[in-house]
Amino acid sequence: MSSQGIIGPIFLRENETVDRKTYNRILNEAISNARSKNMVDGFYWQQNGAPPHRTEEYLAFIHEHYDSRVIAKRFPSKYGEDEEWSPYSSDFSPMDYYSWGSVEDKVYKKLPKDIPELLCCRLLSW
């Protein structure tokens, strides 16, 4: 999410859990979507410190697209950056303290019946 737009949404498929295969699909879809909206060059990629998100494979993939503009646990030590983003920092991003709550308020104001209704009537009405 940025002042330039939203990447996604990207949904889990029915009975899908976030394993290595699913995260790979999500990451590829997100970066492809970001590239199509010109949200890669000059932008930062930020993700949480969940163990599946910080494997060598995924950090390298994100580095390939966002260079050193990445806020992620283990990224600075892997790619020679100067500062590590503290996982216990009180400096939360807007995604942590505003955006998710705002999205949730809009989505659940009236429960959508299916994904097309969710996309059509909720996220695109901003």
C-alpha atoms as a PDB file:
ATOM      1  CA  MET A   1       0.000   0.000   0.000  1.00  0.00           C
ATOM      2  CA  SER A   2       1.307   3.407  -0.931  1.00  0.00           C
ATOM      3  CA  SER A   3       0.089   6.888  -1.713  1.00  0.00           C
ATOM      4  CA  GLN A   4       0.379   5.742  -5.345  1.00  0.00           C
ATOM      5  CA  GLY A   5      -2.046   2.824  -4.918  1.00  0.00           C
ATOM      6  CA  ILE A   6      -2.586  -0.641  -3.544  1.00  0.00           C
ATOM      7  CA  ILE A   7      -0.783  -3.792  -4.614  1.00  0.00           C
ATOM      8  CA  GLY A   8      -3.356  -6.552  -4.752  1.00  0.00           C
ATOM      9  CA  PRO A   9      -5.477  -7.714  -3.142  1.00  0.00           C
ATOM     10  CA  ILE A  10      -4.098 -11.222  -3.282  1.00  0.00           C
ATOM     11  CA  PHE A  11      -6.317 -13.956  -1.877  1.00  0.00           C
ATOM     12  CA  LEU A  12      -5.633 -17.415  -0.595  1.00  0.00           C
ATOM     13  CA  ARG A  13      -7.395 -20.071  -2.614  1.00  0.00           C
ATOM     14  CA  GLU A  14      -9.965 -22.325  -0.979  1.00  0.00           C
ATOM     15  CA  ASN A  15      -8.273 -24.641   1.569  1.00  0.00           C
ATOM     16  CA  GLU A  16      -4.881 -23.023   0.829  1.00  0.00           C
ATOM     17  CA  THR A  17      -2.448 -22.380   3.674  1.00  0.00           C
ATOM     18  CA  VAL A  18       0.629 -20.170   3.573  1.00  0.00           C
ATOM     19  CA  ASP A  19       3.402 -22.637   2.941  1.00  0.00           C
ATOM     20  CA  ARG A  20       6.475 -22.230   0.751  1.00  0.00           C
ATOM     21  CA  LYS A  21       4.560 -22.817  -2.499  1.00  0.00           C
ATOM     22  CA  THR A  22       1.776 -20.393  -1.561  1.00  0.00           C
ATOM     23  CA  TYR A  23       4.152 -17.677  -0.365  1.00  0.00           C
ATOM     24  CA  ASN A  24       6.084 -18.012  -3.618  1.00  0.00           C
ATOM     25  CA  ARG A  25       2.848 -17.443  -5.571  1.00  0.00           C
ATOM     26  CA  ILE A  26       1.869 -14.473  -3.384  1.00  0.00           C
ATOM     27  CA  LEU A  27       5.295 -12.843  -3.662  1.00  0.00           C
ATOM     28  CA  ASN A  28       5.457 -13.266  -7.443  1.00  0.00           C
ATOM     29  CA  GLU A  29       1.917 -11.942  -7.847  1.00  0.00           C
ATOM     30  CA  ALA A  30       2.585  -8.955  -5.557  1.00  0.00           C
ATOM     31  CA  ILE A  31       5.800  -7.902  -7.289  1.00  0.00           C
ATOM     32  CA  SER A  32       4.264  -8.418 -10.735  1.00  0.00           C
ATOM     33  CA  ASN A  33       1.321  -6.243  -9.674  1.00  0.00           C
ATOM     34  CA  ALA A  34       3.686  -3.619  -8.224  1.00  0.00           C
ATOM     35  CA  ARG A  35       5.710  -3.540 -11.438  1.00  0.00           C
ATOM     36  CA  SER A  36       2.557  -3.105 -13.564  1.00  0.00           C
ATOM     37  CA  LYS A  37       1.622  -0.079 -11.413  1.00  0.00           C
ATOM     38  CA  ASN A  38       5.156   1.384 -11.544  1.00  0.00           C
ATOM     39  CA  MET A  39       5.539   0.773  -7.815  1.00  0.00           C
ATOM     40  CA  VAL A  40       9.006  -0.797  -7.781  1.00  0.00           C
ATOM     41  CA  ASP A  41      11.639   1.761  -8.786  1.00  0.00           C
ATOM     42  CA  GLY A  42      11.939   4.338  -6.000  1.00  0.00           C
ATOM     43  CA  PHE A  43       9.629   2.370  -3.681  1.00  0.00           C
ATOM     44  CA  TYR A  44      10.420   0.328  -0.569  1.00  0.00           C
ATOM     45  CA  TRP A  45       9.315  -3.239   0.099  1.00  0.00           C
ATOM     46  CA  GLN A  46       8.326  -3.909   3.704  1.00  0.00           C
ATOM     47  CA  GLN A  47       7.373  -7.215   5.224  1.00  0.00           C
ATOM     48  CA  ASN A  48       7.101  -8.757   8.649  1.00  0.00           C
ATOM     49  CA  GLY A  49       9.673 -11.058  10.210  1.00  0.00           C
ATOM     50  CA  ALA A  50       7.791 -14.347   9.853  1.00  0.00           C
ATOM     51  CA  PRO A  51      10.360 -17.138   9.280  1.00  0.00           C
ATOM     52  CA  PRO A  52       8.985 -18.130   5.839  1.00  0.00           C
ATOM     53  CA  HIS A  53       9.370 -14.511   4.656  1.00  0.00           C
ATOM     54  CA  ARG A  54      13.059 -14.258   5.468  1.00  0.00           C
ATOM     55  CA  THR A  55      14.576 -17.282   3.771  1.00  0.00           C
ATOM     56  CA  GLU A  56      17.650 -16.826   1.586  1.00  0.00           C
ATOM     57  CA  GLU A  57      15.515 -17.530  -1.494  1.00  0.00           C
ATOM     58  CA  TYR A  58      12.894 -14.858  -0.779  1.00  0.00           C
ATOM     59  CA  LEU A  59      15.311 -12.199   0.446  1.00  0.00           C
ATOM     60  CA  ALA A  60      17.314 -12.662  -2.770  1.00  0.00           C
ATOM     61  CA  PHE A  61      14.139 -12.428  -4.881  1.00  0.00           C
ATOM     62  CA  ILE A  62      13.039  -9.214  -3.167  1.00  0.00           C
ATOM     63  CA  HIS A  63      16.583  -7.790  -3.414  1.00  0.00           C
ATOM     64  CA  GLU A  64      16.551  -8.507  -7.148  1.00  0.00           C
ATOM     65  CA  HIS A  65      13.540  -6.212  -7.583  1.00  0.00           C
ATOM     66  CA  TYR A  66      13.928  -3.612  -4.813  1.00  0.00           C
ATOM     67  CA  ASP A  67      17.727  -3.526  -4.414  1.00  0.00           C
ATOM     68  CA  SER A  68      18.490  -2.076  -0.961  1.00  0.00           C
ATOM     69  CA  ARG A  69      15.013  -0.513  -0.552  1.00  0.00           C
ATOM     70  CA  VAL A  70      13.778  -3.317   1.704  1.00  0.00           C
ATOM     71  CA  ILE A  71      12.584  -3.253   5.296  1.00  0.00           C
ATOM     72  CA  ALA A  72      12.695  -6.847   6.466  1.00  0.00           C
ATOM     73  CA  LYS A  73      14.255  -8.858   9.256  1.00  0.00           C
ATOM     74  CA  ARG A  74      17.675 -10.320   8.287  1.00  0.00           C
ATOM     75  CA  PHE A  75      17.820  -8.245   5.092  1.00  0.00           C
ATOM     76  CA  PRO A  76      20.452  -5.709   6.237  1.00  0.00           C
ATOM     77  CA  SER A  77      22.869  -8.351   7.536  1.00  0.00           C
ATOM     78  CA  LYS A  78      22.487 -10.409   4.360  1.00  0.00           C
ATOM     79  CA  TYR A  79      22.983  -7.527   1.917  1.00  0.00           C
ATOM     80  CA  GLY A  80      25.432  -5.322   3.803  1.00  0.00           C
ATOM     81  CA  GLU A  81      23.064  -2.562   4.775  1.00  0.00           C
ATOM     82  CA  ASP A  82      23.931  -0.405   7.776  1.00  0.00           C
ATOM     83  CA  GLU A  83      20.842  -0.670   9.951  1.00  0.00           C
ATOM     84  CA  GLU A  84      18.675  -3.526  11.095  1.00  0.00           C
ATOM     85  CA  TRP A  85      14.974  -2.760  11.562  1.00  0.00           C
ATOM     86  CA  SER A  86      14.220  -3.821  15.104  1.00  0.00           C
ATOM     87  CA  PRO A  87      11.457  -6.447  15.222  1.00  0.00           C
ATOM     88  CA  TYR A  88      10.376  -5.014  18.598  1.00  0.00           C
ATOM     89  CA  SER A  89      10.499  -1.380  17.532  1.00  0.00           C
ATOM     90  CA  SER A  90       7.753   0.892  18.765  1.00  0.00           C
ATOM     91  CA  ASP A  91       7.989   2.697  15.410  1.00  0.00           C
ATOM     92  CA  PHE A  92       5.218   0.835  13.644  1.00  0.00           C
ATOM     93  CA  SER A  93       4.506   1.496  10.020  1.00  0.00           C
ATOM     94  CA  PRO A  94       1.196   2.939   8.828  1.00  0.00           C
ATOM     95  CA  MET A  95       0.252  -0.610   7.777  1.00  0.00           C
ATOM     96  CA  ASP A  96       0.513  -1.725  11.415  1.00  0.00           C
ATOM     97  CA  TYR A  97      -1.401   1.023  13.143  1.00  0.00           C
ATOM     98  CA  TYR A  98      -3.837   2.340  10.560  1.00  0.00           C
ATOM     99  CA  SER A  99      -4.252   0.616   7.232  1.00  0.00           C
ATOM    100  CA  TRP A 100      -5.243  -2.900   8.297  1.00  0.00           C
ATOM    101  CA  GLY A 101      -7.887  -1.541  10.668  1.00  0.00           C
ATOM    102  CA  SER A 102      -9.203   0.808   8.018  1.00  0.00           C
ATOM    103  CA  VAL A 103      -9.413  -1.997   5.452  1.00  0.00           C
ATOM    104  CA  GLU A 104     -11.135  -4.263   7.958  1.00  0.00           C
ATOM    105  CA  ASP A 105     -13.692  -1.554   8.807  1.00  0.00           C
ATOM    106  CA  LYS A 106     -14.568  -1.111   5.133  1.00  0.00           C
ATOM    107  CA  VAL A 107     -14.669  -4.809   4.294  1.00  0.00           C
ATOM    108  CA  TYR A 108     -16.829  -5.865   7.229  1.00  0.00           C
ATOM    109  CA  LYS A 109     -19.215  -2.899   7.260  1.00  0.00           C
ATOM    110  CA  LYS A 110     -21.537  -5.144   5.250  1.00  0.00           C
ATOM    111  CA  LEU A 111     -20.282  -8.694   4.865  1.00  0.00           C
ATOM    112  CA  PRO A 112     -19.536  -9.499   1.225  1.00  0.00           C
ATOM    113  CA  LYS A 113     -21.121 -12.672  -0.184  1.00  0.00           C
ATOM    114  CA  ASP A 114     -18.180 -13.582  -2.427  1.00  0.00           C
ATOM    115  CA  ILE A 115     -14.794 -12.326  -3.686  1.00  0.00           C
ATOM    116  CA  PRO A 116     -16.194 -10.358  -6.673  1.00  0.00           C
ATOM    117  CA  GLU A 117     -18.502  -8.433  -4.314  1.00  0.00           C
ATOM    118  CA  LEU A 118     -15.586  -7.824  -1.962  1.00  0.00           C
ATOM    119  CA  LEU A 119     -13.469  -6.412  -4.785  1.00  0.00           C
ATOM    120  CA  CYS A 120     -16.202  -4.465  -6.492  1.00  0.00           C
ATOM    121  CA  CYS A 121     -17.952  -2.889  -3.569  1.00  0.00           C
ATOM    122  CA  ARG A 122     -15.377  -2.586  -0.814  1.00  0.00           C
ATOM    123  CA  LEU A 123     -11.773  -2.094  -1.827  1.00  0.00           C
ATOM    124  CA  LEU A 124     -12.495  -0.163  -4.991  1.00  0.00           C
ATOM    125  CA  SER A 125     -14.909   2.261  -3.332  1.00  0.00           C
ATOM    126  CA  TRP A 126     -12.136   4.231  -1.614  1.00  0.00           C
END
